[in-house]
Amino acid sequence: MIPGRPVYYVIERNAVLLPARKGTVMDPKKLRFSKTHEWASLEGTTCTIGISQFAVEQLTDVIYIDLPDLDDPVATGDSFGEIESVKAVSDLYSPITGDVIAVNDKLQTDPAVISKDPYEKGWLIKVKVEKGTTLEHLLTFDQYQKQIASEEH
């Protein structure tokens, strides 16, 4: 990517290059992180939740993901599902309180997607939150990097 130049995605639609929509790429530096390695991105009253690249690397080969149903409530700090790898089964913890409005069904049929792309295609759930909700209680990218650096020692 060249600064100041537009980004284009090649989409086979009459061989026309369509400009990339702004905000379509999840930049980990703009996300917030929990100490249990989930990330959160808040747009309005919708919070998208996933797990960090660090978590994916620790799990290695993900073979199964159990996620909540639509309309299920989730609460900050409570488990909302499980992720299973060849190494272990780990709980997934919600960084926010609200109701599940979307579940990434692709992960049910191909859980390896999360290993390949945890910030884009590998998101887990989307949660409807109360208006005025913030992610200030979560770690910034830099704070999270310090946390994982201390865990690696």
Protein backbone atom coordinates (compact mmCIF):
# COMPACT_ATOMS: atom_id res chain seq x y z
CA MET A 1 0.00 0.00 0.00
CA ILE A 2 1.36 3.39 -0.98
CA PRO A 3 0.41 6.30 1.30
CA GLY A 4 -1.89 8.78 -0.41
CA ARG A 5 -2.87 6.35 -3.18
CA PRO A 6 -6.32 4.74 -3.23
CA VAL A 7 -6.66 1.06 -2.33
CA TYR A 8 -8.58 -1.14 -4.76
CA TYR A 9 -9.98 -4.63 -4.46
CA VAL A 10 -10.32 -6.70 -7.60
CA ILE A 11 -13.90 -7.86 -7.83
CA GLU A 12 -15.05 -9.78 -10.85
CA ARG A 13 -17.95 -7.59 -11.83
CA ASN A 14 -17.59 -6.68 -15.49
CA ALA A 15 -13.82 -6.46 -14.95
CA VAL A 16 -14.09 -3.15 -13.09
CA LEU A 17 -11.86 -2.29 -10.15
CA LEU A 18 -13.99 -1.13 -7.25
CA PRO A 19 -12.41 1.13 -4.63
CA ALA A 20 -12.10 -0.42 -1.19
CA ARG A 21 -14.64 0.91 1.28
CA LYS A 22 -13.12 2.86 4.12
CA GLY A 23 -13.21 1.05 7.42
CA THR A 24 -13.44 -2.45 5.95
CA VAL A 25 -10.08 -3.56 7.33
CA MET A 26 -9.80 -4.29 11.05
CA ASP A 27 -6.63 -2.57 12.19
CA PRO A 28 -5.51 -4.30 15.42
CA LYS A 29 -4.03 -0.99 16.59
CA LYS A 30 -7.55 0.46 16.70
CA LEU A 31 -9.11 -2.46 18.60
CA ARG A 32 -9.45 -2.91 22.33
CA PHE A 33 -8.34 -6.11 24.06
CA SER A 34 -9.29 -8.05 27.17
CA LYS A 35 -6.70 -9.66 29.43
CA THR A 36 -8.12 -13.01 28.27
CA HIS A 37 -7.12 -12.22 24.65
CA GLU A 38 -10.48 -11.30 23.10
CA TRP A 39 -10.62 -8.17 20.97
CA ALA A 40 -13.53 -5.77 20.56
CA SER A 41 -14.47 -3.18 17.97
CA LEU A 42 -17.37 -0.83 18.69
CA GLU A 43 -19.34 0.94 15.96
CA GLY A 44 -22.39 2.72 17.32
CA THR A 45 -24.28 0.13 19.36
CA THR A 46 -22.72 -2.91 17.66
CA CYS A 47 -19.63 -4.51 19.14
CA THR A 48 -17.73 -7.09 17.08
CA ILE A 49 -15.76 -9.60 19.16
CA GLY A 50 -12.94 -11.97 18.20
CA ILE A 51 -9.71 -13.40 19.57
CA SER A 52 -6.25 -11.95 19.10
CA GLN A 53 -3.47 -13.18 16.85
CA PHE A 54 -1.53 -14.01 20.02
CA ALA A 55 -4.35 -16.27 21.23
CA VAL A 56 -4.53 -18.00 17.86
CA GLU A 57 -0.79 -18.63 17.92
CA GLN A 58 -1.00 -20.09 21.44
CA LEU A 59 -3.85 -22.41 20.46
CA THR A 60 -2.21 -23.57 17.20
CA ASP A 61 -4.61 -25.67 15.10
CA VAL A 62 -8.22 -24.71 15.89
CA ILE A 63 -10.58 -27.63 15.25
CA TYR A 64 -13.91 -26.53 16.78
CA ILE A 65 -15.63 -23.36 17.98
CA ASP A 66 -18.81 -23.31 20.07
CA LEU A 67 -20.62 -19.97 19.87
CA PRO A 68 -23.86 -18.66 21.39
CA ASP A 69 -27.20 -18.43 19.59
CA LEU A 70 -28.71 -15.23 18.26
CA ASP A 71 -30.41 -13.15 20.96
CA ASP A 72 -28.42 -14.86 23.74
CA PRO A 73 -27.29 -12.37 26.39
CA VAL A 74 -23.56 -12.01 27.11
CA ALA A 75 -22.02 -10.26 30.10
CA THR A 76 -18.62 -8.71 30.63
CA GLY A 77 -16.21 -11.34 31.93
CA ASP A 78 -18.58 -14.28 31.44
CA SER A 79 -17.95 -17.19 29.10
CA PHE A 80 -19.96 -17.09 25.87
CA GLY A 81 -18.43 -20.12 24.14
CA GLU A 82 -15.45 -22.39 23.70
CA ILE A 83 -12.62 -22.77 21.23
CA GLU A 84 -10.97 -26.14 20.81
CA SER A 85 -7.55 -26.77 19.34
CA VAL A 86 -5.37 -29.84 19.10
CA LYS A 87 -3.77 -28.61 22.35
CA ALA A 88 -6.70 -27.63 24.58
CA VAL A 89 -10.25 -26.38 25.01
CA SER A 90 -10.47 -22.76 26.14
CA ASP A 91 -13.40 -20.60 27.19
CA LEU A 92 -14.22 -17.45 25.25
CA TYR A 93 -15.02 -14.49 27.52
CA SER A 94 -17.14 -11.51 26.60
CA PRO A 95 -15.43 -8.14 26.92
CA ILE A 96 -18.83 -6.40 26.87
CA THR A 97 -22.45 -6.82 27.99
CA GLY A 98 -25.32 -7.05 25.51
CA ASP A 99 -27.29 -9.39 23.26
CA VAL A 100 -25.85 -11.46 20.40
CA ILE A 101 -27.12 -10.13 17.07
CA ALA A 102 -24.77 -12.06 14.73
CA VAL A 103 -22.68 -15.22 14.86
CA ASN A 104 -19.90 -16.03 12.40
CA ASP A 105 -21.37 -19.24 10.95
CA LYS A 106 -18.33 -19.75 8.70
CA LEU A 107 -16.39 -20.81 11.79
CA GLN A 108 -18.78 -23.72 12.37
CA THR A 109 -17.89 -25.32 9.04
CA ASP A 110 -14.29 -24.08 8.77
CA PRO A 111 -12.80 -23.20 12.17
CA ALA A 112 -9.36 -22.80 10.57
CA VAL A 113 -10.55 -19.41 9.26
CA ILE A 114 -9.84 -17.94 12.68
CA SER A 115 -6.22 -19.08 12.49
CA LYS A 116 -5.75 -17.54 9.06
CA ASP A 117 -7.51 -14.23 9.72
CA PRO A 118 -8.54 -13.55 13.35
CA TYR A 119 -9.26 -9.86 12.77
CA GLU A 120 -11.36 -9.95 9.60
CA LYS A 121 -12.96 -13.22 8.53
CA GLY A 122 -12.38 -14.83 11.92
CA TRP A 123 -14.58 -12.57 14.04
CA LEU A 124 -16.74 -14.55 16.49
CA ILE A 125 -19.90 -12.64 17.40
CA LYS A 126 -21.53 -9.23 17.14
CA VAL A 127 -23.28 -7.86 20.21
CA LYS A 128 -25.89 -5.12 20.49
CA VAL A 129 -24.89 -2.89 23.41
CA GLU A 130 -26.56 -0.04 25.25
CA LYS A 131 -26.21 3.40 23.67
CA GLY A 132 -23.28 5.22 25.28
CA THR A 133 -21.30 2.02 25.93
CA THR A 134 -17.54 2.43 25.58
CA LEU A 135 -14.55 0.08 25.50
CA GLU A 136 -12.48 2.21 27.88
CA HIS A 137 -12.27 -0.67 30.39
CA LEU A 138 -10.30 -2.73 27.85
CA LEU A 139 -6.61 -2.55 26.97
CA THR A 140 -5.33 -0.45 24.10
CA PHE A 141 -3.16 -2.18 21.49
CA ASP A 142 0.03 -0.92 23.16
CA GLN A 143 -1.11 -2.01 26.62
CA TYR A 144 -2.05 -5.43 25.22
CA GLN A 145 1.35 -5.80 23.55
CA LYS A 146 3.01 -5.19 26.95
CA GLN A 147 0.74 -7.80 28.56
CA ILE A 148 1.54 -10.50 26.02
CA ALA A 149 5.26 -9.68 26.16
CA SER A 150 5.17 -10.35 29.91
CA GLU A 151 3.28 -13.64 29.34
CA GLU A 152 5.91 -14.88 26.91
CA HIS A 153 8.66 -14.74 29.56
